[in-house]
Structures are given as structure tokens and as C-alpha cells.
Amino acid sequence: MSGRPPLRAAAAGTTIAILAAVVLAADQFSKHLAIESLTPGTTRPVLGDVLQWHLVYNPGAAFSLGEGVTWIFTLAMAIVAAIIVWLAATRIRSRVWAIVLGLLLGGVLGNLVDRVFREPGFAVGHVVDFILTPWMWFWTTPAIYNVADMFIVTMMISVAVLTLIGIRFDGTRERTRETTDADAPGAEPGA
């Protein structure tokens, strides 16, 4: 990709761990501040209608969907976290993949901590959401989310982009069939 040598396994794992810890700490600290300073259900304008604080305890997934099956989200987040840790230990040698997966892992862990340790109980805890952007409407509900959610969404978009442009976990780029065929020994240009 950039001509740099691939990361060693320890460097990739360390990068992922540090970034995950920073995102997890930022998420949990911001949730602590929201709980301490906001009243549930009350909106506090920050930037007019662009950004507001609005504390809710979300029992479901996005937009409170699936409230009765919260344990499934907990299990799914635990599996995603385990896969990222496994990839860090066995496959990731790319700096960009280490950064993206570290930030994604931090977001996943932020919401997983809520599911495991918050009321009403283990594996069914409610996620603390407090960032309201009224201009972002989904169906009939404005978007209310948290720091972990921001990292999960943006890093999943990054995963999709890295996959689409063909960046492998080792940092090399997949070659298209046309490029591979044209580079074959004895191949004529345009063949």
C-alpha cells in the first residue's frame, strides 16, 4: 500500500488495544457525565436544533428496536469483540486496519459494558444514549445515540470502504483480474 513494512503482531495488537481503551474510556466517561448532569427525558439545547442533549436508557438496539431480546444484542456484541481480538492476534498487520478495528472494538465494548453492568441486570442492561440530533430522523424517531454508537457506525463504514477498495488485513491491496492478467509474463497489453 504505502511501501511500509507490515506491522508485527504485537504492534497491531497494541494499537488495537490502546485505541479500544481510549474509545471505551471516552464513551463511559461521557455517559457518566450525562447521567450526572441530565434529567432523563428532558432536552437541553447545545447548538439549537443541530445538537442537543437528551438522556434516555435504551433497552433495545437502534431506535429501541428489539426491546424484548436485549440478550441477543449482548451476545452479538461479545462475538464481534471476540472476532476483533482474534483478528488482532492472528491476521491484522495493516496500520489502517488496526486503527479501524481498534476504534470499532472500543465502540462495541462501550455498549457491551452498558448491557452487562447497567440496570435492569446482567446481559439485558439499558444503553445510555444522550446525543440528540433532531435533524437526523429515521422513520418517525430522531436519532439519539452515544459516543460508542458514533464509533461503531463510522468504523463499520470504514470497514466497508477498506473491503471495497481491496485493502487486505496485511496491508496489501487485492489486484483486479484485469491487472493480474495484464501483468502475467508474456501477456500483450490490452489482452
N, C-alpha and C. Protein backbone atom coordinates (compact mmCIF):
# COMPACT_ATOMS: atom_id res chain seq x y z
N MET A 1 0.83 -1.18 0.00
CA MET A 1 0.00 0.00 0.00
C MET A 1 0.87 1.25 0.00
N SER A 2 1.61 1.50 1.10
CA SER A 2 2.42 2.70 1.16
C SER A 2 3.90 2.39 1.11
N GLY A 3 4.26 1.12 0.93
CA GLY A 3 5.66 0.76 0.90
C GLY A 3 6.24 0.50 2.28
N ARG A 4 5.48 0.74 3.32
CA ARG A 4 5.94 0.45 4.68
C ARG A 4 5.87 -1.04 4.94
N PRO A 5 6.76 -1.54 5.78
CA PRO A 5 6.65 -2.95 6.13
C PRO A 5 5.40 -3.17 6.99
N PRO A 6 4.84 -4.38 6.94
CA PRO A 6 3.65 -4.66 7.74
C PRO A 6 3.96 -4.58 9.24
N LEU A 7 2.92 -4.33 10.02
CA LEU A 7 3.08 -4.30 11.47
C LEU A 7 3.39 -5.70 11.99
N ARG A 8 4.14 -5.76 13.06
CA ARG A 8 4.29 -7.04 13.74
C ARG A 8 3.00 -7.30 14.51
N ALA A 9 2.78 -8.55 14.85
CA ALA A 9 1.56 -8.93 15.56
C ALA A 9 1.41 -8.13 16.86
N ALA A 10 2.50 -7.97 17.59
CA ALA A 10 2.44 -7.24 18.87
C ALA A 10 2.07 -5.77 18.65
N ALA A 11 2.61 -5.16 17.61
CA ALA A 11 2.32 -3.75 17.34
C ALA A 11 0.86 -3.57 16.91
N ALA A 12 0.36 -4.48 16.08
CA ALA A 12 -1.04 -4.40 15.66
C ALA A 12 -1.96 -4.59 16.86
N GLY A 13 -1.67 -5.59 17.68
CA GLY A 13 -2.49 -5.84 18.87
C GLY A 13 -2.46 -4.69 19.85
N THR A 14 -1.28 -4.11 20.03
CA THR A 14 -1.13 -2.97 20.94
C THR A 14 -1.91 -1.76 20.43
N THR A 15 -1.82 -1.50 19.13
CA THR A 15 -2.55 -0.39 18.53
C THR A 15 -4.05 -0.57 18.74
N ILE A 16 -4.54 -1.76 18.46
CA ILE A 16 -5.97 -2.04 18.62
C ILE A 16 -6.37 -1.88 20.08
N ALA A 17 -5.58 -2.42 20.99
CA ALA A 17 -5.91 -2.36 22.42
C ALA A 17 -5.93 -0.92 22.94
N ILE A 18 -4.94 -0.13 22.56
CA ILE A 18 -4.88 1.26 23.04
C ILE A 18 -6.06 2.07 22.52
N LEU A 19 -6.34 1.94 21.22
CA LEU A 19 -7.46 2.70 20.66
C LEU A 19 -8.79 2.26 21.25
N ALA A 20 -8.95 0.96 21.45
CA ALA A 20 -10.18 0.46 22.06
C ALA A 20 -10.33 1.01 23.48
N ALA A 21 -9.25 1.04 24.24
CA ALA A 21 -9.30 1.55 25.61
C ALA A 21 -9.64 3.04 25.63
N VAL A 22 -9.09 3.81 24.71
CA VAL A 22 -9.38 5.25 24.65
C VAL A 22 -10.85 5.49 24.32
N VAL A 23 -11.38 4.78 23.32
CA VAL A 23 -12.79 4.96 22.95
C VAL A 23 -13.69 4.50 24.09
N LEU A 24 -13.38 3.36 24.69
CA LEU A 24 -14.18 2.85 25.81
C LEU A 24 -14.20 3.86 26.96
N ALA A 25 -13.04 4.41 27.29
CA ALA A 25 -12.96 5.39 28.38
C ALA A 25 -13.76 6.66 28.03
N ALA A 26 -13.62 7.15 26.80
CA ALA A 26 -14.36 8.34 26.39
C ALA A 26 -15.86 8.09 26.43
N ASP A 27 -16.28 6.92 25.98
CA ASP A 27 -17.70 6.58 25.97
C ASP A 27 -18.25 6.51 27.40
N GLN A 28 -17.58 5.76 28.25
CA GLN A 28 -18.08 5.59 29.62
C GLN A 28 -18.03 6.89 30.41
N PHE A 29 -17.00 7.71 30.19
CA PHE A 29 -16.90 8.99 30.89
C PHE A 29 -18.02 9.93 30.43
N SER A 30 -18.27 9.96 29.12
CA SER A 30 -19.34 10.84 28.62
C SER A 30 -20.71 10.38 29.14
N LYS A 31 -20.91 9.07 29.24
CA LYS A 31 -22.17 8.55 29.79
C LYS A 31 -22.30 8.91 31.27
N HIS A 32 -21.19 8.83 31.99
CA HIS A 32 -21.20 9.22 33.40
C HIS A 32 -21.60 10.69 33.54
N LEU A 33 -20.99 11.55 32.73
CA LEU A 33 -21.34 12.97 32.78
C LEU A 33 -22.81 13.20 32.42
N ALA A 34 -23.30 12.48 31.42
CA ALA A 34 -24.71 12.62 31.03
C ALA A 34 -25.63 12.21 32.17
N ILE A 35 -25.34 11.10 32.81
CA ILE A 35 -26.18 10.63 33.92
C ILE A 35 -26.16 11.61 35.09
N GLU A 36 -24.99 12.17 35.37
CA GLU A 36 -24.84 13.09 36.49
C GLU A 36 -25.47 14.46 36.24
N SER A 37 -25.51 14.90 34.98
CA SER A 37 -25.92 16.28 34.73
C SER A 37 -27.23 16.44 33.96
N LEU A 38 -27.80 15.36 33.46
CA LEU A 38 -29.03 15.46 32.67
C LEU A 38 -30.19 14.76 33.37
N THR A 39 -31.38 15.25 33.14
CA THR A 39 -32.60 14.62 33.63
C THR A 39 -33.18 13.78 32.50
N PRO A 40 -33.45 12.50 32.76
CA PRO A 40 -33.99 11.65 31.69
C PRO A 40 -35.25 12.25 31.07
N GLY A 41 -35.29 12.25 29.74
CA GLY A 41 -36.46 12.73 29.01
C GLY A 41 -36.52 14.23 28.79
N THR A 42 -35.58 14.97 29.36
CA THR A 42 -35.56 16.43 29.20
C THR A 42 -34.48 16.81 28.18
N THR A 43 -34.84 17.68 27.25
CA THR A 43 -33.91 18.09 26.20
C THR A 43 -33.19 19.37 26.60
N ARG A 44 -31.87 19.38 26.42
CA ARG A 44 -31.06 20.56 26.68
C ARG A 44 -30.35 20.96 25.39
N PRO A 45 -30.72 22.12 24.80
CA PRO A 45 -30.07 22.55 23.55
C PRO A 45 -28.58 22.84 23.76
N VAL A 46 -27.78 22.42 22.79
CA VAL A 46 -26.35 22.72 22.79
C VAL A 46 -26.06 23.65 21.62
N LEU A 47 -26.51 23.26 20.42
CA LEU A 47 -26.40 24.08 19.22
C LEU A 47 -27.76 24.18 18.54
N GLY A 48 -28.71 24.74 19.24
CA GLY A 48 -30.07 24.90 18.70
C GLY A 48 -30.69 23.57 18.32
N ASP A 49 -31.16 23.48 17.06
CA ASP A 49 -31.77 22.25 16.57
C ASP A 49 -30.76 21.31 15.93
N VAL A 50 -29.50 21.67 15.94
CA VAL A 50 -28.47 20.83 15.33
C VAL A 50 -27.98 19.77 16.31
N LEU A 51 -27.74 20.16 17.56
CA LEU A 51 -27.21 19.24 18.57
C LEU A 51 -27.85 19.56 19.92
N GLN A 52 -28.35 18.51 20.56
CA GLN A 52 -28.98 18.66 21.87
C GLN A 52 -28.60 17.48 22.74
N TRP A 53 -28.71 17.65 24.06
CA TRP A 53 -28.54 16.54 24.99
C TRP A 53 -29.93 16.08 25.41
N HIS A 54 -30.13 14.77 25.42
CA HIS A 54 -31.43 14.20 25.79
C HIS A 54 -31.17 12.79 26.32
N LEU A 55 -31.15 12.63 27.61
CA LEU A 55 -30.80 11.36 28.25
C LEU A 55 -31.94 10.36 28.17
N VAL A 56 -31.61 9.19 27.61
CA VAL A 56 -32.55 8.06 27.61
C VAL A 56 -31.77 6.79 27.92
N TYR A 57 -32.47 5.82 28.47
CA TYR A 57 -31.89 4.50 28.72
C TYR A 57 -32.52 3.56 27.70
N ASN A 58 -31.73 3.14 26.72
CA ASN A 58 -32.24 2.39 25.58
C ASN A 58 -32.22 0.89 25.88
N PRO A 59 -33.39 0.26 25.96
CA PRO A 59 -33.45 -1.17 26.25
C PRO A 59 -33.24 -2.05 25.01
N GLY A 60 -33.28 -1.46 23.82
CA GLY A 60 -33.17 -2.25 22.60
C GLY A 60 -31.95 -1.88 21.79
N ALA A 61 -32.04 -2.14 20.50
CA ALA A 61 -30.97 -1.77 19.58
C ALA A 61 -31.24 -0.33 19.12
N ALA A 62 -30.79 -0.01 17.92
CA ALA A 62 -31.03 1.32 17.38
C ALA A 62 -32.52 1.62 17.37
N PHE A 63 -32.88 2.79 17.82
CA PHE A 63 -34.26 3.27 17.86
C PHE A 63 -35.14 2.38 18.75
N SER A 64 -34.52 1.78 19.76
CA SER A 64 -35.19 0.92 20.73
C SER A 64 -35.86 -0.30 20.10
N LEU A 65 -35.39 -0.71 18.94
CA LEU A 65 -35.93 -1.92 18.31
C LEU A 65 -35.45 -3.15 19.09
N GLY A 66 -36.29 -4.14 19.18
CA GLY A 66 -35.91 -5.40 19.82
C GLY A 66 -35.78 -5.33 21.32
N GLU A 67 -36.61 -4.55 21.97
CA GLU A 67 -36.51 -4.37 23.42
C GLU A 67 -36.63 -5.68 24.19
N GLY A 68 -37.37 -6.65 23.68
CA GLY A 68 -37.58 -7.90 24.39
C GLY A 68 -36.47 -8.91 24.22
N VAL A 69 -35.52 -8.63 23.35
CA VAL A 69 -34.44 -9.59 23.08
C VAL A 69 -33.07 -8.96 23.26
N THR A 70 -32.94 -8.15 24.30
CA THR A 70 -31.69 -7.44 24.57
C THR A 70 -30.51 -8.39 24.70
N TRP A 71 -30.74 -9.57 25.26
CA TRP A 71 -29.64 -10.52 25.45
C TRP A 71 -29.01 -10.93 24.13
N ILE A 72 -29.78 -10.88 23.02
CA ILE A 72 -29.22 -11.21 21.71
C ILE A 72 -28.20 -10.15 21.30
N PHE A 73 -28.50 -8.87 21.58
CA PHE A 73 -27.55 -7.80 21.25
C PHE A 73 -26.28 -7.95 22.08
N THR A 74 -26.45 -8.34 23.34
CA THR A 74 -25.30 -8.55 24.22
C THR A 74 -24.42 -9.66 23.67
N LEU A 75 -25.03 -10.75 23.28
CA LEU A 75 -24.30 -11.88 22.71
C LEU A 75 -23.61 -11.48 21.41
N ALA A 76 -24.32 -10.76 20.54
CA ALA A 76 -23.74 -10.33 19.26
C ALA A 76 -22.54 -9.41 19.49
N MET A 77 -22.65 -8.47 20.44
CA MET A 77 -21.52 -7.58 20.71
C MET A 77 -20.33 -8.35 21.27
N ALA A 78 -20.59 -9.32 22.12
CA ALA A 78 -19.50 -10.14 22.67
C ALA A 78 -18.81 -10.92 21.56
N ILE A 79 -19.58 -11.45 20.62
CA ILE A 79 -19.00 -12.19 19.49
C ILE A 79 -18.16 -11.27 18.61
N VAL A 80 -18.68 -10.08 18.31
CA VAL A 80 -17.93 -9.12 17.50
C VAL A 80 -16.62 -8.75 18.19
N ALA A 81 -16.67 -8.49 19.49
CA ALA A 81 -15.45 -8.16 20.23
C ALA A 81 -14.46 -9.31 20.17
N ALA A 82 -14.93 -10.53 20.34
CA ALA A 82 -14.05 -11.70 20.29
C ALA A 82 -13.42 -11.87 18.91
N ILE A 83 -14.19 -11.63 17.85
CA ILE A 83 -13.65 -11.73 16.50
C ILE A 83 -12.56 -10.69 16.27
N ILE A 84 -12.79 -9.47 16.73
CA ILE A 84 -11.78 -8.42 16.56
C ILE A 84 -10.50 -8.79 17.31
N VAL A 85 -10.63 -9.29 18.52
CA VAL A 85 -9.45 -9.70 19.29
C VAL A 85 -8.73 -10.84 18.57
N TRP A 86 -9.48 -11.81 18.04
CA TRP A 86 -8.88 -12.91 17.30
C TRP A 86 -8.15 -12.39 16.07
N LEU A 87 -8.79 -11.48 15.31
CA LEU A 87 -8.14 -10.90 14.13
C LEU A 87 -6.86 -10.15 14.51
N ALA A 88 -6.93 -9.43 15.61
CA ALA A 88 -5.75 -8.69 16.08
C ALA A 88 -4.59 -9.63 16.35
N ALA A 89 -4.89 -10.77 16.94
CA ALA A 89 -3.84 -11.72 17.31
C ALA A 89 -3.33 -12.55 16.13
N THR A 90 -4.17 -12.74 15.12
CA THR A 90 -3.78 -13.68 14.08
C THR A 90 -3.62 -13.10 12.68
N ARG A 91 -4.27 -12.01 12.36
CA ARG A 91 -4.31 -11.58 10.96
C ARG A 91 -3.87 -10.13 10.70
N ILE A 92 -4.19 -9.23 11.58
CA ILE A 92 -4.01 -7.81 11.29
C ILE A 92 -2.53 -7.44 11.30
N ARG A 93 -2.07 -6.91 10.16
CA ARG A 93 -0.70 -6.41 10.04
C ARG A 93 -0.70 -5.04 9.34
N SER A 94 -1.88 -4.52 9.09
CA SER A 94 -2.05 -3.24 8.43
C SER A 94 -2.34 -2.16 9.45
N ARG A 95 -1.68 -1.03 9.30
CA ARG A 95 -1.92 0.08 10.22
C ARG A 95 -3.36 0.58 10.14
N VAL A 96 -3.88 0.73 8.92
CA VAL A 96 -5.23 1.27 8.77
C VAL A 96 -6.26 0.30 9.35
N TRP A 97 -6.08 -1.01 9.13
CA TRP A 97 -7.00 -1.98 9.71
C TRP A 97 -6.88 -2.00 11.23
N ALA A 98 -5.68 -1.85 11.76
CA ALA A 98 -5.51 -1.82 13.22
C ALA A 98 -6.24 -0.62 13.81
N ILE A 99 -6.14 0.52 13.16
CA ILE A 99 -6.83 1.72 13.65
C ILE A 99 -8.34 1.54 13.59
N VAL A 100 -8.84 1.12 12.45
CA VAL A 100 -10.29 0.96 12.27
C VAL A 100 -10.84 -0.07 13.27
N LEU A 101 -10.18 -1.23 13.37
CA LEU A 101 -10.70 -2.26 14.27
C LEU A 101 -10.53 -1.88 15.75
N GLY A 102 -9.49 -1.12 16.08
CA GLY A 102 -9.34 -0.65 17.46
C GLY A 102 -10.46 0.30 17.85
N LEU A 103 -10.79 1.22 16.97
CA LEU A 103 -11.87 2.17 17.25
C LEU A 103 -13.22 1.46 17.27
N LEU A 104 -13.41 0.50 16.37
CA LEU A 104 -14.65 -0.29 16.37
C LEU A 104 -14.78 -1.10 17.66
N LEU A 105 -13.70 -1.74 18.07
CA LEU A 105 -13.73 -2.53 19.30
C LEU A 105 -14.07 -1.65 20.50
N GLY A 106 -13.52 -0.46 20.57
CA GLY A 106 -13.85 0.46 21.66
C GLY A 106 -15.33 0.80 21.69
N GLY A 107 -15.92 1.05 20.53
CA GLY A 107 -17.35 1.34 20.48
C GLY A 107 -18.20 0.16 20.90
N VAL A 108 -17.84 -1.02 20.41
CA VAL A 108 -18.58 -2.23 20.78
C VAL A 108 -18.48 -2.47 22.29
N LEU A 109 -17.28 -2.33 22.84
CA LEU A 109 -17.11 -2.54 24.28
C LEU A 109 -17.87 -1.51 25.10
N GLY A 110 -17.95 -0.27 24.60
CA GLY A 110 -18.70 0.77 25.31
C GLY A 110 -20.15 0.39 25.54
N ASN A 111 -20.80 -0.09 24.49
CA ASN A 111 -22.19 -0.50 24.64
C ASN A 111 -22.31 -1.85 25.34
N LEU A 112 -21.33 -2.72 25.16
CA LEU A 112 -21.36 -4.02 25.84
C LEU A 112 -21.26 -3.83 27.36
N VAL A 113 -20.46 -2.90 27.81
CA VAL A 113 -20.37 -2.60 29.24
C VAL A 113 -21.74 -2.20 29.78
N ASP A 114 -22.46 -1.37 29.04
CA ASP A 114 -23.81 -0.99 29.47
C ASP A 114 -24.73 -2.20 29.55
N ARG A 115 -24.69 -3.05 28.53
CA ARG A 115 -25.57 -4.23 28.51
C ARG A 115 -25.27 -5.19 29.67
N VAL A 116 -24.01 -5.27 30.05
CA VAL A 116 -23.62 -6.22 31.09
C VAL A 116 -23.80 -5.65 32.50
N PHE A 117 -23.49 -4.36 32.70
CA PHE A 117 -23.42 -3.83 34.06
C PHE A 117 -24.53 -2.86 34.46
N ARG A 118 -25.32 -2.38 33.53
CA ARG A 118 -26.37 -1.42 33.90
C ARG A 118 -27.69 -2.13 34.19
N GLU A 119 -28.58 -1.38 34.83
CA GLU A 119 -29.92 -1.89 35.13
C GLU A 119 -30.66 -2.15 33.82
N PRO A 120 -31.52 -3.12 33.75
CA PRO A 120 -32.09 -3.88 34.85
C PRO A 120 -31.30 -5.10 35.26
N GLY A 121 -30.22 -5.47 34.55
CA GLY A 121 -29.45 -6.61 35.00
C GLY A 121 -28.49 -7.13 33.95
N PHE A 122 -27.76 -8.16 34.34
CA PHE A 122 -26.73 -8.75 33.50
C PHE A 122 -27.27 -9.18 32.14
N ALA A 123 -26.59 -8.74 31.09
CA ALA A 123 -26.88 -9.07 29.69
C ALA A 123 -28.14 -8.41 29.14
N VAL A 124 -28.91 -7.72 29.97
CA VAL A 124 -30.11 -7.03 29.50
C VAL A 124 -30.11 -5.56 29.93
N GLY A 125 -28.94 -5.04 30.28
CA GLY A 125 -28.84 -3.66 30.72
C GLY A 125 -29.20 -2.68 29.61
N HIS A 126 -29.65 -1.52 30.00
CA HIS A 126 -30.04 -0.48 29.05
C HIS A 126 -28.83 0.39 28.72
N VAL A 127 -28.69 0.70 27.44
CA VAL A 127 -27.58 1.53 26.98
C VAL A 127 -27.93 3.00 27.20
N VAL A 128 -26.97 3.76 27.71
CA VAL A 128 -27.16 5.19 27.95
C VAL A 128 -26.94 5.94 26.63
N ASP A 129 -27.98 6.60 26.16
CA ASP A 129 -27.92 7.44 24.97
C ASP A 129 -28.25 8.87 25.39
N PHE A 130 -27.54 9.83 24.81
CA PHE A 130 -27.78 11.22 25.23
C PHE A 130 -27.52 12.26 24.16
N ILE A 131 -26.97 11.89 23.03
CA ILE A 131 -26.70 12.84 21.96
C ILE A 131 -27.89 12.83 21.01
N LEU A 132 -28.55 13.97 20.93
CA LEU A 132 -29.75 14.09 20.08
C LEU A 132 -29.44 15.03 18.93
N THR A 133 -29.65 14.54 17.73
CA THR A 133 -29.52 15.37 16.53
C THR A 133 -30.89 15.34 15.84
N PRO A 134 -31.75 16.32 16.18
CA PRO A 134 -33.14 16.30 15.68
C PRO A 134 -33.26 16.30 14.17
N TRP A 135 -32.26 16.81 13.46
CA TRP A 135 -32.32 16.86 12.00
C TRP A 135 -32.08 15.49 11.38
N MET A 136 -31.60 14.54 12.17
CA MET A 136 -31.39 13.17 11.68
C MET A 136 -32.59 12.32 12.09
N TRP A 137 -33.55 12.19 11.21
CA TRP A 137 -34.75 11.41 11.51
C TRP A 137 -34.66 10.06 10.82
N PHE A 138 -35.03 9.03 11.53
CA PHE A 138 -35.12 7.69 10.98
C PHE A 138 -36.53 7.20 11.26
N TRP A 139 -37.27 6.96 10.21
CA TRP A 139 -38.69 6.64 10.31
C TRP A 139 -39.38 7.81 11.00
N THR A 140 -39.87 7.61 12.19
CA THR A 140 -40.55 8.71 12.89
C THR A 140 -39.81 9.09 14.17
N THR A 141 -38.56 8.67 14.28
CA THR A 141 -37.81 8.87 15.51
C THR A 141 -36.54 9.67 15.24
N PRO A 142 -36.27 10.72 16.02
CA PRO A 142 -35.00 11.41 15.87
C PRO A 142 -33.86 10.54 16.42
N ALA A 143 -32.67 10.75 15.91
CA ALA A 143 -31.52 9.96 16.34
C ALA A 143 -31.05 10.40 17.72
N ILE A 144 -31.00 9.46 18.65
CA ILE A 144 -30.42 9.68 19.98
C ILE A 144 -29.40 8.57 20.16
N TYR A 145 -28.17 8.94 20.42
CA TYR A 145 -27.10 7.95 20.45
C TYR A 145 -26.03 8.35 21.45
N ASN A 146 -24.89 7.66 21.42
CA ASN A 146 -23.80 7.95 22.35
C ASN A 146 -22.47 7.89 21.60
N VAL A 147 -21.38 8.09 22.32
CA VAL A 147 -20.05 8.11 21.72
C VAL A 147 -19.73 6.75 21.10
N ALA A 148 -20.05 5.66 21.79
CA ALA A 148 -19.79 4.32 21.25
C ALA A 148 -20.50 4.13 19.92
N ASP A 149 -21.75 4.56 19.83
CA ASP A 149 -22.51 4.42 18.59
C ASP A 149 -21.84 5.15 17.43
N MET A 150 -21.29 6.34 17.70
CA MET A 150 -20.61 7.10 16.65
C MET A 150 -19.43 6.32 16.10
N PHE A 151 -18.66 5.70 16.98
CA PHE A 151 -17.51 4.91 16.52
C PHE A 151 -17.95 3.64 15.81
N ILE A 152 -18.99 3.00 16.30
CA ILE A 152 -19.47 1.78 15.64
C ILE A 152 -19.91 2.09 14.21
N VAL A 153 -20.71 3.12 14.03
CA VAL A 153 -21.23 3.45 12.70
C VAL A 153 -20.10 3.88 11.76
N THR A 154 -19.27 4.81 12.20
CA THR A 154 -18.22 5.31 11.31
C THR A 154 -17.18 4.24 10.99
N MET A 155 -16.87 3.39 11.95
CA MET A 155 -15.87 2.35 11.68
C MET A 155 -16.44 1.23 10.83
N MET A 156 -17.74 0.94 10.94
CA MET A 156 -18.33 -0.05 10.04
C MET A 156 -18.35 0.47 8.61
N ILE A 157 -18.57 1.76 8.44
CA ILE A 157 -18.46 2.37 7.11
C ILE A 157 -17.02 2.24 6.62
N SER A 158 -16.06 2.47 7.50
CA SER A 158 -14.64 2.33 7.13
C SER A 158 -14.30 0.90 6.75
N VAL A 159 -14.84 -0.08 7.48
CA VAL A 159 -14.63 -1.49 7.14
C VAL A 159 -15.15 -1.75 5.72
N ALA A 160 -16.34 -1.24 5.43
CA ALA A 160 -16.91 -1.44 4.10
C ALA A 160 -16.04 -0.80 3.02
N VAL A 161 -15.55 0.40 3.28
CA VAL A 161 -14.70 1.09 2.29
C VAL A 161 -13.40 0.32 2.09
N LEU A 162 -12.74 -0.09 3.17
CA LEU A 162 -11.49 -0.84 3.05
C LEU A 162 -11.70 -2.14 2.28
N THR A 163 -12.81 -2.78 2.53
CA THR A 163 -13.13 -4.02 1.83
C THR A 163 -13.39 -3.75 0.35
N LEU A 164 -14.15 -2.71 0.05
CA LEU A 164 -14.47 -2.39 -1.34
C LEU A 164 -13.25 -1.99 -2.15
N ILE A 165 -12.32 -1.28 -1.53
CA ILE A 165 -11.13 -0.87 -2.29
C ILE A 165 -10.03 -1.94 -2.25
N GLY A 166 -10.31 -3.03 -1.55
CA GLY A 166 -9.42 -4.19 -1.62
C GLY A 166 -8.21 -4.16 -0.71
N ILE A 167 -8.28 -3.44 0.41
CA ILE A 167 -7.16 -3.44 1.35
C ILE A 167 -7.28 -4.68 2.24
N ARG A 168 -6.28 -5.51 2.19
CA ARG A 168 -6.29 -6.74 3.00
C ARG A 168 -5.80 -6.46 4.41
N PHE A 169 -6.02 -7.44 5.30
CA PHE A 169 -5.59 -7.29 6.69
C PHE A 169 -4.08 -7.12 6.83
N ASP A 170 -3.31 -7.58 5.85
CA ASP A 170 -1.86 -7.42 5.92
C ASP A 170 -1.38 -6.12 5.29
N GLY A 171 -2.32 -5.33 4.77
CA GLY A 171 -1.98 -4.04 4.19
C GLY A 171 -1.78 -4.06 2.70
N THR A 172 -1.72 -5.24 2.10
CA THR A 172 -1.59 -5.31 0.65
C THR A 172 -2.95 -5.04 0.02
N ARG A 173 -2.90 -4.74 -1.25
CA ARG A 173 -4.14 -4.45 -1.96
C ARG A 173 -4.45 -5.59 -2.92
N GLU A 174 -5.71 -5.99 -2.94
CA GLU A 174 -6.12 -7.02 -3.89
C GLU A 174 -5.96 -6.48 -5.29
N ARG A 175 -5.51 -7.33 -6.16
CA ARG A 175 -5.34 -6.93 -7.55
C ARG A 175 -6.56 -7.36 -8.33
N THR A 176 -7.01 -6.52 -9.20
CA THR A 176 -8.16 -6.88 -10.02
C THR A 176 -7.74 -7.91 -11.05
N ARG A 177 -8.67 -8.63 -11.60
CA ARG A 177 -8.38 -9.67 -12.58
C ARG A 177 -7.70 -9.08 -13.81
N GLU A 178 -8.16 -7.91 -14.26
CA GLU A 178 -7.54 -7.29 -15.44
C GLU A 178 -6.07 -6.98 -15.17
N THR A 179 -5.78 -6.46 -13.97
CA THR A 179 -4.40 -6.13 -13.63
C THR A 179 -3.57 -7.40 -13.56
N THR A 180 -4.09 -8.43 -12.94
CA THR A 180 -3.36 -9.68 -12.80
C THR A 180 -3.08 -10.28 -14.18
N ASP A 181 -4.07 -10.34 -15.07
CA ASP A 181 -3.89 -10.90 -16.40
C ASP A 181 -2.90 -10.07 -17.22
N ALA A 182 -2.98 -8.76 -17.14
CA ALA A 182 -2.10 -7.91 -17.91
C ALA A 182 -0.65 -8.00 -17.42
N ASP A 183 -0.47 -8.29 -16.13
CA ASP A 183 0.88 -8.37 -15.59
C ASP A 183 1.52 -9.74 -15.77
N ALA A 184 0.76 -10.69 -16.30
CA ALA A 184 1.30 -12.05 -16.49
C ALA A 184 2.43 -12.02 -17.50
N PRO A 185 3.47 -12.85 -17.27
CA PRO A 185 4.59 -12.88 -18.22
C PRO A 185 4.09 -13.25 -19.62
N GLY A 186 4.54 -12.50 -20.60
CA GLY A 186 4.21 -12.79 -21.99
C GLY A 186 2.86 -12.25 -22.43
N ALA A 187 2.14 -11.60 -21.52
CA ALA A 187 0.83 -11.06 -21.89
C ALA A 187 1.00 -9.81 -22.72
N GLU A 188 0.16 -9.68 -23.71
CA GLU A 188 0.21 -8.48 -24.53
C GLU A 188 -0.65 -7.41 -23.89
N PRO A 189 -0.24 -6.15 -24.03
CA PRO A 189 -1.06 -5.06 -23.47
C PRO A 189 -2.47 -5.12 -24.05
N GLY A 190 -3.43 -4.96 -23.19
CA GLY A 190 -4.82 -4.94 -23.62
C GLY A 190 -5.41 -6.32 -23.83
N ALA A 191 -4.61 -7.37 -23.56
CA ALA A 191 -5.12 -8.74 -23.78
C ALA A 191 -6.01 -9.19 -22.65
